[in-house]
Amino acid sequence: MIYGLILAGGKGTRLYPLSRSNHPKQFLKTVNNQSFLRNTVERIKPLIPKENIYVVTNEEYLDKVKEELPEIDEDNIFVEPYNKETATCIGLSAAKLMKKDSEAVMVVLPSDHYIEGEGQFIQTLKQGIDLASSRKALVTIGVVPTRTETGYGYIQVGDRFKGDIPTFKVNRFTEKPNLEVAKDFILSGEYLWNSGMFIWKASEFLKEVSKYLPKMYDRLMTIYKQIGEEDESQVIKDQYSLIEGISVDYGIMQRTRKAYVIKCEFVWDDIGSFNSLRRFLRENGGNFISDKVYLEESENCAIFGKEKLIIGFGLKDIVIVDAGDVILVMDKNKDQEIKHLFNDIKDSPEFFRYS
């Protein structure tokens, strides 16, 4: 059977101060007055019934997920005791789904994507499900790069595989290259962005975990044995404390030989930075602005206002974000580094309450 797994435990630190520790970006209502999490669920409902839609999050956000998705059964919300990166939370979810259904096929989706062309999106998922089922493949969805981007993984496509939508064997997966390498990748024409959307059988994913992350696999199998038992929650907590977390990109996708990529033909963006979020502002003389913003002699700026009037004069390549209690002013080229700024603020007793 097919199951949707939505990843909703991230902190969204690159969108600070709009995204906060207690209200991260998956709950922000930026598009059509619905949260990114809600939009993700609505997007897959034509393919996957609500009883097969699962969310994995951490304890801190459990109540927010339940409030945002009241139609999703609480048993369909997998809770992590600690944040141990995506390989771990997907591994936990794979173990739980495989316990329920040994033939479970997982459609793994981040909760912070923007997509246009949802009919084509569903067709892409269907092709990925067929491929994952028939070839025991680890399938990802690739995006044609539109800019030099150092915050994404890059996929070098290999031999063409059958399918109505262009599909390829993965030659190489490179996670978050530096600027010069990213430029070379784009110029070569051989690379796609990794969207972070994956499709695979739960059992096949866990086989790759056993091969490349054996210590994590042992912890997950200890959890697997206790799923449905009275001590399940305590065992998960105990085993999680022993797991050394790693992202699924570094831990599995850069190593596996079972990876295939489907080239998406729908509009996609990962709303992981202010440079991507600015698509929802209005264009004004080469700038992107919200309401209550006035710019003069300024270029290539993105201004996210709130209550106060923001006036900019003689600005270039600046991002300004008014979040009410916090105002961010930043060089637009620093948007991939804001998570480090957030961590400094969070660790400062003087500014902790603003994190």
Protein backbone atom coordinates (compact mmCIF):
# COMPACT_ATOMS: atom_id res chain seq x y z
CA MET A 1 0.00 0.00 0.00
CA ILE A 2 1.03 3.62 -0.55
CA TYR A 3 1.68 5.92 2.41
CA GLY A 4 2.44 9.62 2.51
CA LEU A 5 5.02 10.74 5.08
CA ILE A 6 5.29 14.47 5.70
CA LEU A 7 8.37 15.76 7.49
CA ALA A 8 7.28 18.49 9.90
CA GLY A 9 9.89 18.64 12.64
CA GLY A 10 12.28 21.25 11.24
CA LYS A 11 13.12 24.56 12.91
CA GLY A 12 13.14 26.64 9.72
CA THR A 13 16.01 28.75 11.01
CA ARG A 14 16.85 30.28 7.62
CA LEU A 15 13.52 32.13 7.77
CA TYR A 16 14.20 33.64 11.18
CA PRO A 17 12.66 35.87 12.53
CA LEU A 18 9.41 34.95 10.70
CA SER A 19 10.06 31.33 11.66
CA ARG A 20 10.63 30.82 15.39
CA SER A 21 11.49 27.89 17.65
CA ASN A 22 7.89 27.73 18.86
CA HIS A 23 6.33 28.46 15.45
CA PRO A 24 8.57 27.22 12.61
CA LYS A 25 8.02 27.75 8.91
CA GLN A 26 5.84 24.69 8.27
CA PHE A 27 3.10 26.48 10.24
CA LEU A 28 3.52 29.87 8.53
CA LYS A 29 0.51 30.95 6.46
CA THR A 30 2.32 32.52 3.53
CA VAL A 31 0.48 30.98 0.57
CA ASN A 32 -3.32 31.21 0.06
CA ASN A 33 -3.73 31.85 3.80
CA GLN A 34 -2.91 28.23 4.56
CA SER A 35 0.20 26.86 6.21
CA PHE A 36 2.86 25.02 4.22
CA LEU A 37 1.94 21.89 6.18
CA ARG A 38 -1.74 22.17 5.28
CA ASN A 39 -0.92 22.79 1.62
CA THR A 40 1.30 19.70 1.56
CA VAL A 41 -1.51 17.51 2.88
CA GLU A 42 -4.05 18.95 0.43
CA ARG A 43 -1.61 18.40 -2.45
CA ILE A 44 -1.38 14.62 -1.94
CA LYS A 45 -5.01 13.90 -1.05
CA PRO A 46 -5.91 13.09 -4.69
CA LEU A 47 -3.39 10.24 -4.54
CA ILE A 48 -3.30 9.11 -0.91
CA PRO A 49 -6.36 8.86 1.40
CA LYS A 50 -6.15 10.68 4.72
CA GLU A 51 -5.94 7.41 6.67
CA ASN A 52 -2.65 6.70 4.88
CA ILE A 53 -1.16 10.17 5.40
CA TYR A 54 1.39 10.29 8.22
CA VAL A 55 3.34 13.16 9.76
CA VAL A 56 6.63 12.88 11.61
CA THR A 57 7.45 15.71 13.99
CA ASN A 58 9.05 16.25 17.38
CA GLU A 59 7.38 16.47 20.77
CA GLU A 60 7.52 20.27 20.79
CA TYR A 61 5.25 20.53 17.72
CA LEU A 62 2.80 17.68 18.36
CA ASP A 63 -0.03 19.94 19.52
CA LYS A 64 0.53 22.32 16.60
CA VAL A 65 0.33 19.47 14.09
CA LYS A 66 -2.88 18.17 15.71
CA GLU A 67 -4.39 21.66 15.62
CA GLU A 68 -3.36 22.22 12.00
CA LEU A 69 -4.49 18.78 10.78
CA PRO A 70 -7.52 17.76 12.88
CA GLU A 71 -8.58 15.19 10.27
CA ILE A 72 -5.35 13.19 10.69
CA ASP A 73 -5.62 10.48 13.34
CA GLU A 74 -3.21 11.00 16.25
CA ASP A 75 -1.83 7.49 15.64
CA ASN A 76 -0.69 8.79 12.23
CA ILE A 77 1.59 11.36 13.88
CA PHE A 78 5.00 9.88 14.63
CA VAL A 79 6.78 11.75 17.41
CA GLU A 80 10.55 12.03 17.81
CA PRO A 81 11.87 12.64 21.33
CA TYR A 82 14.90 14.46 19.90
CA ASN A 83 15.77 16.00 16.56
CA LYS A 84 18.32 13.63 15.01
CA GLU A 85 18.18 14.72 11.33
CA THR A 86 16.21 13.32 8.42
CA ALA A 87 17.80 9.88 8.03
CA THR A 88 16.70 9.12 11.58
CA CYS A 89 13.14 10.40 11.41
CA ILE A 90 12.58 8.72 8.04
CA GLY A 91 14.14 5.53 9.42
CA LEU A 92 11.84 5.59 12.46
CA SER A 93 8.84 6.14 10.18
CA ALA A 94 9.96 3.34 7.83
CA ALA A 95 10.21 0.95 10.79
CA LYS A 96 6.71 1.88 11.98
CA LEU A 97 5.17 1.59 8.52
CA MET A 98 6.92 -1.71 7.79
CA LYS A 99 5.56 -3.08 11.08
CA LYS A 100 2.09 -2.16 9.82
CA ASP A 101 2.60 -3.26 6.21
CA SER A 102 5.66 -5.20 5.03
CA GLU A 103 5.09 -3.96 1.45
CA ALA A 104 4.65 -0.29 2.42
CA VAL A 105 5.74 2.24 -0.21
CA MET A 106 6.60 5.65 1.26
CA VAL A 107 6.13 8.99 -0.47
CA VAL A 108 8.36 11.23 1.65
CA LEU A 109 7.59 14.95 1.41
CA PRO A 110 9.01 17.97 3.23
CA SER A 111 6.35 20.30 4.58
CA ASP A 112 7.78 23.56 3.22
CA HIS A 113 7.55 23.31 -0.58
CA TYR A 114 5.75 25.51 -3.07
CA ILE A 115 4.39 23.70 -6.12
CA GLU A 116 2.41 24.79 -9.17
CA GLY A 117 0.95 22.22 -11.55
CA GLU A 118 -0.45 19.77 -9.03
CA GLY A 119 -1.83 17.43 -11.70
CA GLN A 120 1.67 16.92 -13.08
CA PHE A 121 2.97 16.57 -9.53
CA ILE A 122 0.57 13.67 -8.90
CA GLN A 123 1.57 12.00 -12.18
CA THR A 124 5.23 12.28 -11.17
CA LEU A 125 4.53 10.63 -7.82
CA LYS A 126 2.63 7.82 -9.56
CA GLN A 127 5.58 7.13 -11.86
CA GLY A 128 7.92 7.17 -8.87
CA ILE A 129 5.71 4.73 -6.99
CA ASP A 130 5.76 2.33 -9.95
CA LEU A 131 9.54 2.58 -10.17
CA ALA A 132 10.07 2.08 -6.44
CA SER A 133 7.77 -0.94 -6.47
CA SER A 134 9.11 -2.66 -9.58
CA ARG A 135 12.84 -1.91 -9.32
CA LYS A 136 13.25 -1.68 -5.54
CA ALA A 137 14.64 1.76 -6.29
CA LEU A 138 15.26 4.79 -4.12
CA VAL A 139 13.57 7.49 -6.16
CA THR A 140 14.04 11.23 -5.86
CA ILE A 141 12.50 14.06 -7.85
CA GLY A 142 14.93 16.38 -9.61
CA VAL A 143 14.46 20.02 -10.59
CA VAL A 144 16.15 21.84 -13.47
CA PRO A 145 18.38 24.47 -11.80
CA THR A 146 17.38 28.09 -12.42
CA ARG A 147 20.18 29.75 -10.44
CA THR A 148 23.47 28.98 -8.73
CA GLU A 149 22.30 27.58 -5.42
CA THR A 150 24.56 26.27 -2.64
CA GLY A 151 21.76 25.22 -0.31
CA TYR A 152 20.56 22.24 -2.36
CA GLY A 153 21.85 18.83 -3.30
CA TYR A 154 22.80 18.27 -6.97
CA ILE A 155 22.12 15.09 -8.92
CA GLN A 156 24.22 14.12 -11.93
CA VAL A 157 21.90 12.20 -14.24
CA GLY A 158 23.02 8.97 -15.85
CA ASP A 159 21.36 6.65 -18.35
CA ARG A 160 17.77 7.37 -19.34
CA PHE A 161 15.23 4.95 -17.92
CA LYS A 162 11.80 4.17 -19.32
CA GLY A 163 8.86 6.34 -18.28
CA ASP A 164 6.55 9.00 -19.69
CA ILE A 165 8.25 11.61 -17.51
CA PRO A 166 12.04 11.77 -18.06
CA THR A 167 13.69 9.40 -15.59
CA PHE A 168 17.37 8.62 -15.11
CA LYS A 169 19.71 6.44 -13.11
CA VAL A 170 21.66 8.64 -10.71
CA ASN A 171 25.37 8.88 -11.50
CA ARG A 172 26.31 11.02 -8.53
CA PHE A 173 24.65 12.88 -5.72
CA THR A 174 26.47 15.91 -4.27
CA GLU A 175 25.00 17.60 -1.24
CA LYS A 176 25.35 21.40 -0.94
CA PRO A 177 28.42 22.14 -3.07
CA ASN A 178 30.34 25.39 -2.78
CA LEU A 179 29.64 28.25 -5.19
CA GLU A 180 32.30 27.40 -7.78
CA VAL A 181 31.32 23.74 -7.90
CA ALA A 182 27.63 24.68 -8.20
CA LYS A 183 28.47 26.94 -11.16
CA ASP A 184 30.33 24.09 -12.87
CA PHE A 185 27.39 21.76 -12.30
CA ILE A 186 24.95 24.16 -13.92
CA LEU A 187 27.22 24.88 -16.88
CA SER A 188 27.61 21.15 -17.55
CA GLY A 189 23.87 20.70 -18.08
CA GLU A 190 24.12 17.26 -16.47
CA TYR A 191 22.74 18.11 -13.04
CA LEU A 192 19.38 18.55 -11.40
CA TRP A 193 18.57 19.91 -7.97
CA ASN A 194 17.47 17.33 -5.44
CA SER A 195 14.01 18.45 -4.32
CA GLY A 196 14.11 16.47 -1.08
CA MET A 197 11.05 14.45 -2.14
CA PHE A 198 11.63 10.69 -2.09
CA ILE A 199 9.73 7.51 -2.93
CA TRP A 200 10.79 4.03 -1.83
CA LYS A 201 9.64 0.85 -0.16
CA ALA A 202 10.14 1.06 3.59
CA SER A 203 11.97 -2.27 3.52
CA GLU A 204 14.37 -1.16 0.77
CA PHE A 205 15.19 2.07 2.56
CA LEU A 206 15.98 0.16 5.75
CA LYS A 207 18.22 -2.21 3.77
CA GLU A 208 20.27 0.79 2.65
CA VAL A 209 20.39 2.05 6.23
CA SER A 210 21.73 -1.34 7.32
CA LYS A 211 24.43 -1.10 4.64
CA TYR A 212 25.58 2.50 5.11
CA LEU A 213 24.48 3.38 8.66
CA PRO A 214 24.71 0.05 10.52
CA LYS A 215 24.75 1.53 14.02
CA MET A 216 21.59 3.51 13.30
CA TYR A 217 20.00 0.42 11.78
CA ASP A 218 20.63 -1.59 14.96
CA ARG A 219 18.89 1.13 17.02
CA LEU A 220 15.95 1.23 14.61
CA MET A 221 15.56 -2.55 14.73
CA THR A 222 15.48 -2.44 18.52
CA ILE A 223 12.64 0.07 18.18
CA TYR A 224 10.95 -2.07 15.50
CA LYS A 225 10.70 -5.03 17.87
CA GLN A 226 8.87 -2.95 20.49
CA ILE A 227 6.42 -1.11 18.20
CA GLY A 228 2.93 -1.70 19.57
CA GLU A 229 4.23 -2.73 23.00
CA GLU A 230 3.64 -0.82 26.23
CA ASP A 231 7.23 0.34 26.44
CA GLU A 232 7.42 1.57 22.81
CA SER A 233 7.75 5.28 23.68
CA GLN A 234 10.46 4.65 26.28
CA VAL A 235 12.42 2.40 23.93
CA ILE A 236 12.26 5.04 21.20
CA LYS A 237 13.54 7.66 23.63
CA ASP A 238 16.34 5.41 24.88
CA GLN A 239 17.48 4.41 21.39
CA TYR A 240 17.23 7.94 20.02
CA SER A 241 19.59 9.17 22.72
CA LEU A 242 22.20 6.75 21.33
CA ILE A 243 21.77 7.59 17.64
CA GLU A 244 24.25 9.88 15.93
CA GLY A 245 21.97 11.84 13.60
CA ILE A 246 22.70 12.50 9.95
CA SER A 247 20.68 13.78 7.01
CA VAL A 248 19.24 11.29 4.53
CA ASP A 249 21.18 13.10 1.79
CA TYR A 250 24.60 12.61 3.37
CA GLY A 251 23.83 9.30 5.04
CA ILE A 252 22.09 7.44 2.22
CA MET A 253 21.62 9.29 -1.08
CA GLN A 254 25.31 10.13 -1.58
CA ARG A 255 26.20 6.45 -1.09
CA THR A 256 23.41 4.28 -2.47
CA ARG A 257 23.62 2.63 -5.89
CA LYS A 258 19.86 2.21 -6.10
CA ALA A 259 19.00 5.86 -6.77
CA TYR A 260 16.87 7.04 -9.67
CA VAL A 261 15.69 10.56 -10.40
CA ILE A 262 12.53 11.74 -12.13
CA LYS A 263 12.86 15.15 -13.77
CA CYS A 264 9.94 17.22 -12.56
CA GLU A 265 7.85 19.14 -15.07
CA PHE A 266 5.94 21.20 -12.51
CA VAL A 267 6.98 24.46 -10.85
CA TRP A 268 8.81 23.81 -7.58
CA ASP A 269 10.55 25.86 -4.93
CA ASP A 270 11.86 25.05 -1.50
CA ILE A 271 10.77 27.91 0.74
CA GLY A 272 13.93 27.70 2.78
CA SER A 273 15.23 31.23 2.47
CA PHE A 274 14.09 34.81 2.03
CA ASN A 275 15.32 34.76 -1.57
CA SER A 276 12.76 32.02 -2.30
CA LEU A 277 10.05 33.49 -0.06
CA ARG A 278 10.18 36.78 -1.96
CA ARG A 279 8.27 35.16 -4.84
CA PHE A 280 5.15 35.87 -2.75
CA LEU A 281 5.88 39.60 -2.58
CA ARG A 282 4.95 42.02 -5.35
CA GLU A 283 7.61 43.22 -7.77
CA ASN A 284 8.23 46.96 -7.62
CA GLY A 285 10.95 48.59 -9.71
CA GLY A 286 13.34 45.65 -9.43
CA ASN A 287 12.54 45.14 -5.76
CA PHE A 288 10.14 42.78 -4.00
CA ILE A 289 7.97 44.36 -1.34
CA SER A 290 4.99 43.69 0.90
CA ASP A 291 2.43 46.28 1.97
CA LYS A 292 3.53 49.29 4.02
CA VAL A 293 6.87 49.58 2.20
CA TYR A 294 8.17 52.64 0.34
CA LEU A 295 11.51 52.49 -1.53
CA GLU A 296 13.37 55.22 -3.34
CA GLU A 297 16.58 54.81 -5.39
CA SER A 298 16.83 51.19 -4.30
CA GLU A 299 17.43 47.99 -6.24
CA ASN A 300 17.29 44.21 -5.80
CA CYS A 301 15.86 44.38 -2.29
CA ALA A 302 13.26 42.22 -0.57
CA ILE A 303 11.23 43.93 2.15
CA PHE A 304 8.83 41.96 4.36
CA GLY A 305 6.78 44.49 6.29
CA LYS A 306 4.24 43.95 9.04
CA GLU A 307 2.70 46.81 11.02
CA LYS A 308 5.17 49.68 10.70
CA LEU A 309 5.81 51.62 7.50
CA ILE A 310 9.26 50.68 6.18
CA ILE A 311 11.06 53.33 4.11
CA GLY A 312 14.20 52.47 2.18
CA PHE A 313 16.40 55.05 0.46
CA GLY A 314 19.50 54.22 -1.57
CA LEU A 315 19.49 50.51 -0.72
CA LYS A 316 20.92 47.66 -2.79
CA ASP A 317 20.82 43.88 -2.27
CA ILE A 318 19.21 44.19 1.16
CA VAL A 319 16.62 42.03 2.90
CA ILE A 320 14.51 43.62 5.64
CA VAL A 321 12.09 41.57 7.71
CA ASP A 322 9.72 43.07 10.27
CA ALA A 323 8.49 40.30 12.56
CA GLY A 324 7.01 42.62 15.18
CA ASP A 325 9.38 42.07 18.09
CA VAL A 326 12.42 41.50 15.84
CA ILE A 327 13.63 43.39 12.77
CA LEU A 328 16.21 41.73 10.53
CA VAL A 329 18.39 43.73 8.12
CA MET A 330 20.62 41.54 5.99
CA ASP A 331 22.72 41.38 2.83
CA LYS A 332 20.57 39.23 0.53
CA ASN A 333 23.58 37.01 -0.26
CA LYS A 334 23.79 35.92 3.38
CA ASP A 335 20.46 34.10 3.42
CA GLN A 336 22.10 30.64 3.62
CA GLU A 337 24.05 31.72 6.70
CA ILE A 338 21.19 33.02 8.84
CA LYS A 339 20.87 29.70 10.70
CA HIS A 340 24.28 30.38 12.26
CA LEU A 341 23.05 33.81 13.35
CA PHE A 342 19.96 32.21 14.83
CA ASN A 343 22.07 29.71 16.79
CA ASP A 344 24.16 32.56 18.23
CA ILE A 345 21.01 34.39 19.31
CA LYS A 346 19.49 31.23 20.79
CA ASP A 347 22.65 30.61 22.84
CA SER A 348 22.76 34.18 24.15
CA PRO A 349 21.00 34.72 27.52
CA GLU A 350 20.36 38.33 26.51
CA PHE A 351 18.52 37.47 23.28
CA PHE A 352 17.26 33.91 23.90
CA ARG A 353 13.62 35.00 24.30
CA TYR A 354 13.65 36.30 20.71
CA SER A 355 14.57 32.93 19.23
